[in-house]
Amino acid sequence: MTIELFFRLLGSLALLIYGMKTMSDALQKLAGPSLRHILARMTGNRFSGMLTGTMVTCAVQSSSATTKGKQAMRLSCQ
């Protein structure tokens, strides 16, 4: 493993952690008392919590995949 690869991996990991922190902070600011109440009701038992988590994960992964696809198409057209 070369030093360049090591720093690329380290930089990628840092960007991932920074993005997760930024998204977490934004969601916490967005989540007022009413949204927190809704989330508490949606995750009241294990089944609804699992279903809610699955839906949110699919939405986030889908948007990430869409964004990456758009970026790839834009770069290939240049």
PDB file of N, CA and C in Angstrom:
ATOM      1  N   MET A   1       0.859  -1.174   0.000  1.00  0.00           N
ATOM      2  CA  MET A   1       0.000   0.000   0.000  1.00  0.00           C
ATOM      3  C   MET A   1       0.900   1.231   0.000  1.00  0.00           C
ATOM      4  N   THR A   2       0.723   2.068  -0.999  1.00  0.00           N
ATOM      5  CA  THR A   2       1.554   3.259  -1.093  1.00  0.00           C
ATOM      6  C   THR A   2       1.027   4.338  -0.162  1.00  0.00           C
ATOM      7  N   ILE A   3       1.861   5.313   0.090  1.00  0.00           N
ATOM      8  CA  ILE A   3       1.492   6.411   0.982  1.00  0.00           C
ATOM      9  C   ILE A   3       0.370   7.261   0.370  1.00  0.00           C
ATOM     10  N   GLU A   4       0.368   7.376  -0.965  1.00  0.00           N
ATOM     11  CA  GLU A   4      -0.680   8.146  -1.643  1.00  0.00           C
ATOM     12  C   GLU A   4      -2.047   7.484  -1.436  1.00  0.00           C
ATOM     13  N   LEU A   5      -2.099   6.175  -1.581  1.00  0.00           N
ATOM     14  CA  LEU A   5      -3.341   5.446  -1.375  1.00  0.00           C
ATOM     15  C   LEU A   5      -3.813   5.588   0.071  1.00  0.00           C
ATOM     16  N   PHE A   6      -2.874   5.514   0.988  1.00  0.00           N
ATOM     17  CA  PHE A   6      -3.207   5.669   2.401  1.00  0.00           C
ATOM     18  C   PHE A   6      -3.857   7.028   2.669  1.00  0.00           C
ATOM     19  N   PHE A   7      -3.274   8.095   2.119  1.00  0.00           N
ATOM     20  CA  PHE A   7      -3.829   9.430   2.344  1.00  0.00           C
ATOM     21  C   PHE A   7      -5.164   9.616   1.624  1.00  0.00           C
ATOM     22  N   ARG A   8      -5.337   8.982   0.486  1.00  0.00           N
ATOM     23  CA  ARG A   8      -6.640   9.047  -0.193  1.00  0.00           C
ATOM     24  C   ARG A   8      -7.719   8.372   0.645  1.00  0.00           C
ATOM     25  N   LEU A   9      -7.397   7.202   1.187  1.00  0.00           N
ATOM     26  CA  LEU A   9      -8.354   6.505   2.050  1.00  0.00           C
ATOM     27  C   LEU A   9      -8.654   7.312   3.305  1.00  0.00           C
ATOM     28  N   LEU A  10      -7.634   7.897   3.895  1.00  0.00           N
ATOM     29  CA  LEU A  10      -7.804   8.708   5.089  1.00  0.00           C
ATOM     30  C   LEU A  10      -8.666   9.938   4.793  1.00  0.00           C
ATOM     31  N   GLY A  11      -8.406  10.589   3.675  1.00  0.00           N
ATOM     32  CA  GLY A  11      -9.208  11.749   3.271  1.00  0.00           C
ATOM     33  C   GLY A  11     -10.648  11.377   2.986  1.00  0.00           C
ATOM     34  N   SER A  12     -10.856  10.248   2.330  1.00  0.00           N
ATOM     35  CA  SER A  12     -12.217   9.784   2.042  1.00  0.00           C
ATOM     36  C   SER A  12     -12.979   9.487   3.322  1.00  0.00           C
ATOM     37  N   LEU A  13     -12.316   8.849   4.261  1.00  0.00           N
ATOM     38  CA  LEU A  13     -12.942   8.558   5.541  1.00  0.00           C
ATOM     39  C   LEU A  13     -13.280   9.843   6.289  1.00  0.00           C
ATOM     40  N   ALA A  14     -12.377  10.817   6.245  1.00  0.00           N
ATOM     41  CA  ALA A  14     -12.633  12.102   6.906  1.00  0.00           C
ATOM     42  C   ALA A  14     -13.831  12.802   6.283  1.00  0.00           C
ATOM     43  N   LEU A  15     -13.935  12.780   4.954  1.00  0.00           N
ATOM     44  CA  LEU A  15     -15.085  13.398   4.288  1.00  0.00           C
ATOM     45  C   LEU A  15     -16.393  12.684   4.633  1.00  0.00           C
ATOM     46  N   LEU A  16     -16.348  11.370   4.721  1.00  0.00           N
ATOM     47  CA  LEU A  16     -17.533  10.603   5.087  1.00  0.00           C
ATOM     48  C   LEU A  16     -17.994  10.974   6.493  1.00  0.00           C
ATOM     49  N   ILE A  17     -17.071  11.016   7.427  1.00  0.00           N
ATOM     50  CA  ILE A  17     -17.428  11.353   8.803  1.00  0.00           C
ATOM     51  C   ILE A  17     -17.932  12.790   8.890  1.00  0.00           C
ATOM     52  N   TYR A  18     -17.287  13.706   8.177  1.00  0.00           N
ATOM     53  CA  TYR A  18     -17.741  15.102   8.167  1.00  0.00           C
ATOM     54  C   TYR A  18     -19.154  15.212   7.589  1.00  0.00           C
ATOM     55  N   GLY A  19     -19.426  14.509   6.502  1.00  0.00           N
ATOM     56  CA  GLY A  19     -20.757  14.531   5.899  1.00  0.00           C
ATOM     57  C   GLY A  19     -21.818  13.966   6.823  1.00  0.00           C
ATOM     58  N   MET A  20     -21.491  12.894   7.525  1.00  0.00           N
ATOM     59  CA  MET A  20     -22.442  12.313   8.471  1.00  0.00           C
ATOM     60  C   MET A  20     -22.718  13.278   9.612  1.00  0.00           C
ATOM     61  N   LYS A  21     -21.690  13.952  10.102  1.00  0.00           N
ATOM     62  CA  LYS A  21     -21.854  14.918  11.189  1.00  0.00           C
ATOM     63  C   LYS A  21     -22.696  16.102  10.728  1.00  0.00           C
ATOM     64  N   THR A  22     -22.422  16.599   9.526  1.00  0.00           N
ATOM     65  CA  THR A  22     -23.182  17.721   8.986  1.00  0.00           C
ATOM     66  C   THR A  22     -24.652  17.352   8.810  1.00  0.00           C
ATOM     67  N   MET A  23     -24.906  16.165   8.278  1.00  0.00           N
ATOM     68  CA  MET A  23     -26.286  15.716   8.087  1.00  0.00           C
ATOM     69  C   MET A  23     -26.980  15.543   9.432  1.00  0.00           C
ATOM     70  N   SER A  24     -26.292  15.011  10.404  1.00  0.00           N
ATOM     71  CA  SER A  24     -26.862  14.830  11.735  1.00  0.00           C
ATOM     72  C   SER A  24     -27.216  16.169  12.361  1.00  0.00           C
ATOM     73  N   ASP A  25     -26.311  17.146  12.258  1.00  0.00           N
ATOM     74  CA  ASP A  25     -26.581  18.472  12.816  1.00  0.00           C
ATOM     75  C   ASP A  25     -27.774  19.136  12.137  1.00  0.00           C
ATOM     76  N   ALA A  26     -27.853  19.020  10.815  1.00  0.00           N
ATOM     77  CA  ALA A  26     -28.966  19.623  10.079  1.00  0.00           C
ATOM     78  C   ALA A  26     -30.291  18.969  10.454  1.00  0.00           C
ATOM     79  N   LEU A  27     -30.293  17.660  10.597  1.00  0.00           N
ATOM     80  CA  LEU A  27     -31.529  16.972  10.980  1.00  0.00           C
ATOM     81  C   LEU A  27     -31.950  17.341  12.399  1.00  0.00           C
ATOM     82  N   GLN A  28     -30.992  17.535  13.288  1.00  0.00           N
ATOM     83  CA  GLN A  28     -31.333  17.929  14.647  1.00  0.00           C
ATOM     84  C   GLN A  28     -31.918  19.336  14.686  1.00  0.00           C
ATOM     85  N   LYS A  29     -31.395  20.235  13.846  1.00  0.00           N
ATOM     86  CA  LYS A  29     -31.954  21.584  13.780  1.00  0.00           C
ATOM     87  C   LYS A  29     -33.353  21.554  13.172  1.00  0.00           C
ATOM     88  N   LEU A  30     -33.533  20.710  12.169  1.00  0.00           N
ATOM     89  CA  LEU A  30     -34.819  20.591  11.494  1.00  0.00           C
ATOM     90  C   LEU A  30     -35.871  19.968  12.401  1.00  0.00           C
ATOM     91  N   ALA A  31     -35.446  19.051  13.224  1.00  0.00           N
ATOM     92  CA  ALA A  31     -36.376  18.301  14.069  1.00  0.00           C
ATOM     93  C   ALA A  31     -36.814  19.152  15.248  1.00  0.00           C
ATOM     94  N   GLY A  32     -37.924  19.802  15.084  1.00  0.00           N
ATOM     95  CA  GLY A  32     -38.515  20.537  16.189  1.00  0.00           C
ATOM     96  C   GLY A  32     -39.269  19.574  17.088  1.00  0.00           C
ATOM     97  N   PRO A  33     -39.974  20.108  18.065  1.00  0.00           N
ATOM     98  CA  PRO A  33     -40.721  19.241  18.986  1.00  0.00           C
ATOM     99  C   PRO A  33     -41.766  18.368  18.295  1.00  0.00           C
ATOM    100  N   SER A  34     -42.419  18.900  17.268  1.00  0.00           N
ATOM    101  CA  SER A  34     -43.464  18.106  16.603  1.00  0.00           C
ATOM    102  C   SER A  34     -42.856  16.916  15.845  1.00  0.00           C
ATOM    103  N   LEU A  35     -41.719  17.146  15.164  1.00  0.00           N
ATOM    104  CA  LEU A  35     -41.082  16.047  14.438  1.00  0.00           C
ATOM    105  C   LEU A  35     -40.529  15.005  15.402  1.00  0.00           C
ATOM    106  N   ARG A  36     -39.999  15.448  16.509  1.00  0.00           N
ATOM    107  CA  ARG A  36     -39.509  14.499  17.507  1.00  0.00           C
ATOM    108  C   ARG A  36     -40.649  13.661  18.068  1.00  0.00           C
ATOM    109  N   HIS A  37     -41.812  14.281  18.256  1.00  0.00           N
ATOM    110  CA  HIS A  37     -42.979  13.538  18.737  1.00  0.00           C
ATOM    111  C   HIS A  37     -43.409  12.492  17.700  1.00  0.00           C
ATOM    112  N   ILE A  38     -43.414  12.881  16.433  1.00  0.00           N
ATOM    113  CA  ILE A  38     -43.785  11.950  15.358  1.00  0.00           C
ATOM    114  C   ILE A  38     -42.809  10.776  15.303  1.00  0.00           C
ATOM    115  N   LEU A  39     -41.511  11.081  15.388  1.00  0.00           N
ATOM    116  CA  LEU A  39     -40.510  10.009  15.358  1.00  0.00           C
ATOM    117  C   LEU A  39     -40.642   9.092  16.567  1.00  0.00           C
ATOM    118  N   ALA A  40     -40.964   9.657  17.720  1.00  0.00           N
ATOM    119  CA  ALA A  40     -41.147   8.835  18.916  1.00  0.00           C
ATOM    120  C   ALA A  40     -42.324   7.876  18.730  1.00  0.00           C
ATOM    121  N   ARG A  41     -43.392   8.348  18.090  1.00  0.00           N
ATOM    122  CA  ARG A  41     -44.539   7.472  17.845  1.00  0.00           C
ATOM    123  C   ARG A  41     -44.229   6.425  16.786  1.00  0.00           C
ATOM    124  N   MET A  42     -43.451   6.807  15.760  1.00  0.00           N
ATOM    125  CA  MET A  42     -43.134   5.867  14.679  1.00  0.00           C
ATOM    126  C   MET A  42     -42.169   4.782  15.130  1.00  0.00           C
ATOM    127  N   THR A  43     -41.416   5.043  16.166  1.00  0.00           N
ATOM    128  CA  THR A  43     -40.443   4.065  16.644  1.00  0.00           C
ATOM    129  C   THR A  43     -40.825   3.541  18.024  1.00  0.00           C
ATOM    130  N   GLY A  44     -42.111   3.541  18.311  1.00  0.00           N
ATOM    131  CA  GLY A  44     -42.600   3.128  19.631  1.00  0.00           C
ATOM    132  C   GLY A  44     -42.371   1.660  19.941  1.00  0.00           C
ATOM    133  N   ASN A  45     -42.489   0.800  18.956  1.00  0.00           N
ATOM    134  CA  ASN A  45     -42.191  -0.618  19.199  1.00  0.00           C
ATOM    135  C   ASN A  45     -41.141  -1.102  18.202  1.00  0.00           C
ATOM    136  N   ARG A  46     -40.679  -2.291  18.374  1.00  0.00           N
ATOM    137  CA  ARG A  46     -39.561  -2.784  17.562  1.00  0.00           C
ATOM    138  C   ARG A  46     -39.910  -2.899  16.083  1.00  0.00           C
ATOM    139  N   PHE A  47     -41.097  -3.387  15.776  1.00  0.00           N
ATOM    140  CA  PHE A  47     -41.467  -3.582  14.377  1.00  0.00           C
ATOM    141  C   PHE A  47     -41.578  -2.246  13.649  1.00  0.00           C
ATOM    142  N   SER A  48     -42.306  -1.291  14.229  1.00  0.00           N
ATOM    143  CA  SER A  48     -42.451   0.008  13.561  1.00  0.00           C
ATOM    144  C   SER A  48     -41.117   0.746  13.514  1.00  0.00           C
ATOM    145  N   GLY A  49     -40.275   0.561  14.520  1.00  0.00           N
ATOM    146  CA  GLY A  49     -38.942   1.161  14.495  1.00  0.00           C
ATOM    147  C   GLY A  49     -38.095   0.603  13.373  1.00  0.00           C
ATOM    148  N   MET A  50     -38.174  -0.722  13.178  1.00  0.00           N
ATOM    149  CA  MET A  50     -37.421  -1.361  12.100  1.00  0.00           C
ATOM    150  C   MET A  50     -37.939  -0.897  10.742  1.00  0.00           C
ATOM    151  N   LEU A  51     -39.250  -0.816  10.600  1.00  0.00           N
ATOM    152  CA  LEU A  51     -39.848  -0.370   9.347  1.00  0.00           C
ATOM    153  C   LEU A  51     -39.482   1.080   9.043  1.00  0.00           C
ATOM    154  N   THR A  52     -39.549   1.934  10.048  1.00  0.00           N
ATOM    155  CA  THR A  52     -39.179   3.340   9.875  1.00  0.00           C
ATOM    156  C   THR A  52     -37.710   3.464   9.487  1.00  0.00           C
ATOM    157  N   GLY A  53     -36.842   2.745  10.167  1.00  0.00           N
ATOM    158  CA  GLY A  53     -35.412   2.777   9.849  1.00  0.00           C
ATOM    159  C   GLY A  53     -35.127   2.289   8.445  1.00  0.00           C
ATOM    160  N   THR A  54     -35.829   1.258   8.022  1.00  0.00           N
ATOM    161  CA  THR A  54     -35.640   0.732   6.668  1.00  0.00           C
ATOM    162  C   THR A  54     -36.065   1.751   5.623  1.00  0.00           C
ATOM    163  N   MET A  55     -37.203   2.394   5.849  1.00  0.00           N
ATOM    164  CA  MET A  55     -37.691   3.397   4.890  1.00  0.00           C
ATOM    165  C   MET A  55     -36.743   4.593   4.805  1.00  0.00           C
ATOM    166  N   VAL A  56     -36.264   5.064   5.932  1.00  0.00           N
ATOM    167  CA  VAL A  56     -35.350   6.206   5.929  1.00  0.00           C
ATOM    168  C   VAL A  56     -34.036   5.828   5.253  1.00  0.00           C
ATOM    169  N   THR A  57     -33.538   4.639   5.544  1.00  0.00           N
ATOM    170  CA  THR A  57     -32.297   4.180   4.921  1.00  0.00           C
ATOM    171  C   THR A  57     -32.456   4.075   3.409  1.00  0.00           C
ATOM    172  N   CYS A  58     -33.569   3.545   2.952  1.00  0.00           N
ATOM    173  CA  CYS A  58     -33.809   3.444   1.503  1.00  0.00           C
ATOM    174  C   CYS A  58     -33.867   4.828   0.863  1.00  0.00           C
ATOM    175  N   ALA A  59     -34.506   5.770   1.521  1.00  0.00           N
ATOM    176  CA  ALA A  59     -34.610   7.122   0.975  1.00  0.00           C
ATOM    177  C   ALA A  59     -33.244   7.779   0.886  1.00  0.00           C
ATOM    178  N   VAL A  60     -32.440   7.653   1.921  1.00  0.00           N
ATOM    179  CA  VAL A  60     -31.118   8.278   1.918  1.00  0.00           C
ATOM    180  C   VAL A  60     -30.211   7.608   0.897  1.00  0.00           C
ATOM    181  N   GLN A  61     -30.217   6.292   0.833  1.00  0.00           N
ATOM    182  CA  GLN A  61     -29.368   5.582  -0.122  1.00  0.00           C
ATOM    183  C   GLN A  61     -29.812   5.862  -1.552  1.00  0.00           C
ATOM    184  N   SER A  62     -31.123   5.957  -1.757  1.00  0.00           N
ATOM    185  CA  SER A  62     -31.632   6.219  -3.095  1.00  0.00           C
ATOM    186  C   SER A  62     -31.194   7.600  -3.569  1.00  0.00           C
ATOM    187  N   SER A  63     -31.275   8.599  -2.687  1.00  0.00           N
ATOM    188  CA  SER A  63     -30.880   9.940  -3.095  1.00  0.00           C
ATOM    189  C   SER A  63     -29.383  10.003  -3.342  1.00  0.00           C
ATOM    190  N   SER A  64     -28.612   9.283  -2.565  1.00  0.00           N
ATOM    191  CA  SER A  64     -27.161   9.257  -2.774  1.00  0.00           C
ATOM    192  C   SER A  64     -26.835   8.603  -4.105  1.00  0.00           C
ATOM    193  N   ALA A  65     -27.496   7.522  -4.407  1.00  0.00           N
ATOM    194  CA  ALA A  65     -27.255   6.828  -5.673  1.00  0.00           C
ATOM    195  C   ALA A  65     -27.672   7.705  -6.856  1.00  0.00           C
ATOM    196  N   THR A  66     -28.782   8.409  -6.722  1.00  0.00           N
ATOM    197  CA  THR A  66     -29.246   9.294  -7.788  1.00  0.00           C
ATOM    198  C   THR A  66     -28.252  10.418  -8.031  1.00  0.00           C
ATOM    199  N   THR A  67     -27.767  10.999  -6.947  1.00  0.00           N
ATOM    200  CA  THR A  67     -26.796  12.085  -7.064  1.00  0.00           C
ATOM    201  C   THR A  67     -25.517  11.603  -7.733  1.00  0.00           C
ATOM    202  N   LYS A  68     -25.023  10.445  -7.329  1.00  0.00           N
ATOM    203  CA  LYS A  68     -23.804   9.907  -7.933  1.00  0.00           C
ATOM    204  C   LYS A  68     -24.023   9.587  -9.408  1.00  0.00           C
ATOM    205  N   GLY A  69     -25.205   9.082  -9.739  1.00  0.00           N
ATOM    206  CA  GLY A  69     -25.509   8.792 -11.138  1.00  0.00           C
ATOM    207  C   GLY A  69     -25.526  10.047 -11.986  1.00  0.00           C
ATOM    208  N   LYS A  70     -26.113  11.119 -11.457  1.00  0.00           N
ATOM    209  CA  LYS A  70     -26.147  12.390 -12.183  1.00  0.00           C
ATOM    210  C   LYS A  70     -24.737  12.930 -12.384  1.00  0.00           C
ATOM    211  N   GLN A  71     -23.915  12.841 -11.348  1.00  0.00           N
ATOM    212  CA  GLN A  71     -22.548  13.312 -11.453  1.00  0.00           C
ATOM    213  C   GLN A  71     -21.773  12.513 -12.503  1.00  0.00           C
ATOM    214  N   ALA A  72     -21.976  11.222 -12.517  1.00  0.00           N
ATOM    215  CA  ALA A  72     -21.266  10.370 -13.475  1.00  0.00           C
ATOM    216  C   ALA A  72     -21.701  10.696 -14.902  1.00  0.00           C
ATOM    217  N   MET A  73     -23.000  10.921 -15.117  1.00  0.00           N
ATOM    218  CA  MET A  73     -23.481  11.241 -16.450  1.00  0.00           C
ATOM    219  C   MET A  73     -22.954  12.620 -16.895  1.00  0.00           C
ATOM    220  N   ARG A  74     -22.935  13.561 -15.963  1.00  0.00           N
ATOM    221  CA  ARG A  74     -22.457  14.899 -16.304  1.00  0.00           C
ATOM    222  C   ARG A  74     -20.974  14.837 -16.679  1.00  0.00           C
ATOM    223  N   LEU A  75     -20.187  14.085 -15.929  1.00  0.00           N
ATOM    224  CA  LEU A  75     -18.765  13.996 -16.216  1.00  0.00           C
ATOM    225  C   LEU A  75     -18.496  13.256 -17.525  1.00  0.00           C
ATOM    226  N   SER A  76     -19.337  12.278 -17.837  1.00  0.00           N
ATOM    227  CA  SER A  76     -19.113  11.532 -19.082  1.00  0.00           C
ATOM    228  C   SER A  76     -19.486  12.346 -20.318  1.00  0.00           C
ATOM    229  N   CYS A  77     -20.336  13.343 -20.147  1.00  0.00           N
ATOM    230  CA  CYS A  77     -20.747  14.179 -21.286  1.00  0.00           C
ATOM    231  C   CYS A  77     -19.776  15.301 -21.582  1.00  0.00           C
ATOM    232  N   GLN A  78     -18.844  15.541 -20.696  1.00  0.00           N
ATOM    233  CA  GLN A  78     -17.900  16.658 -20.907  1.00  0.00           C
ATOM    234  C   GLN A  78     -16.769  16.264 -21.805  1.00  0.00           C
TER     235      GLN A  78
END
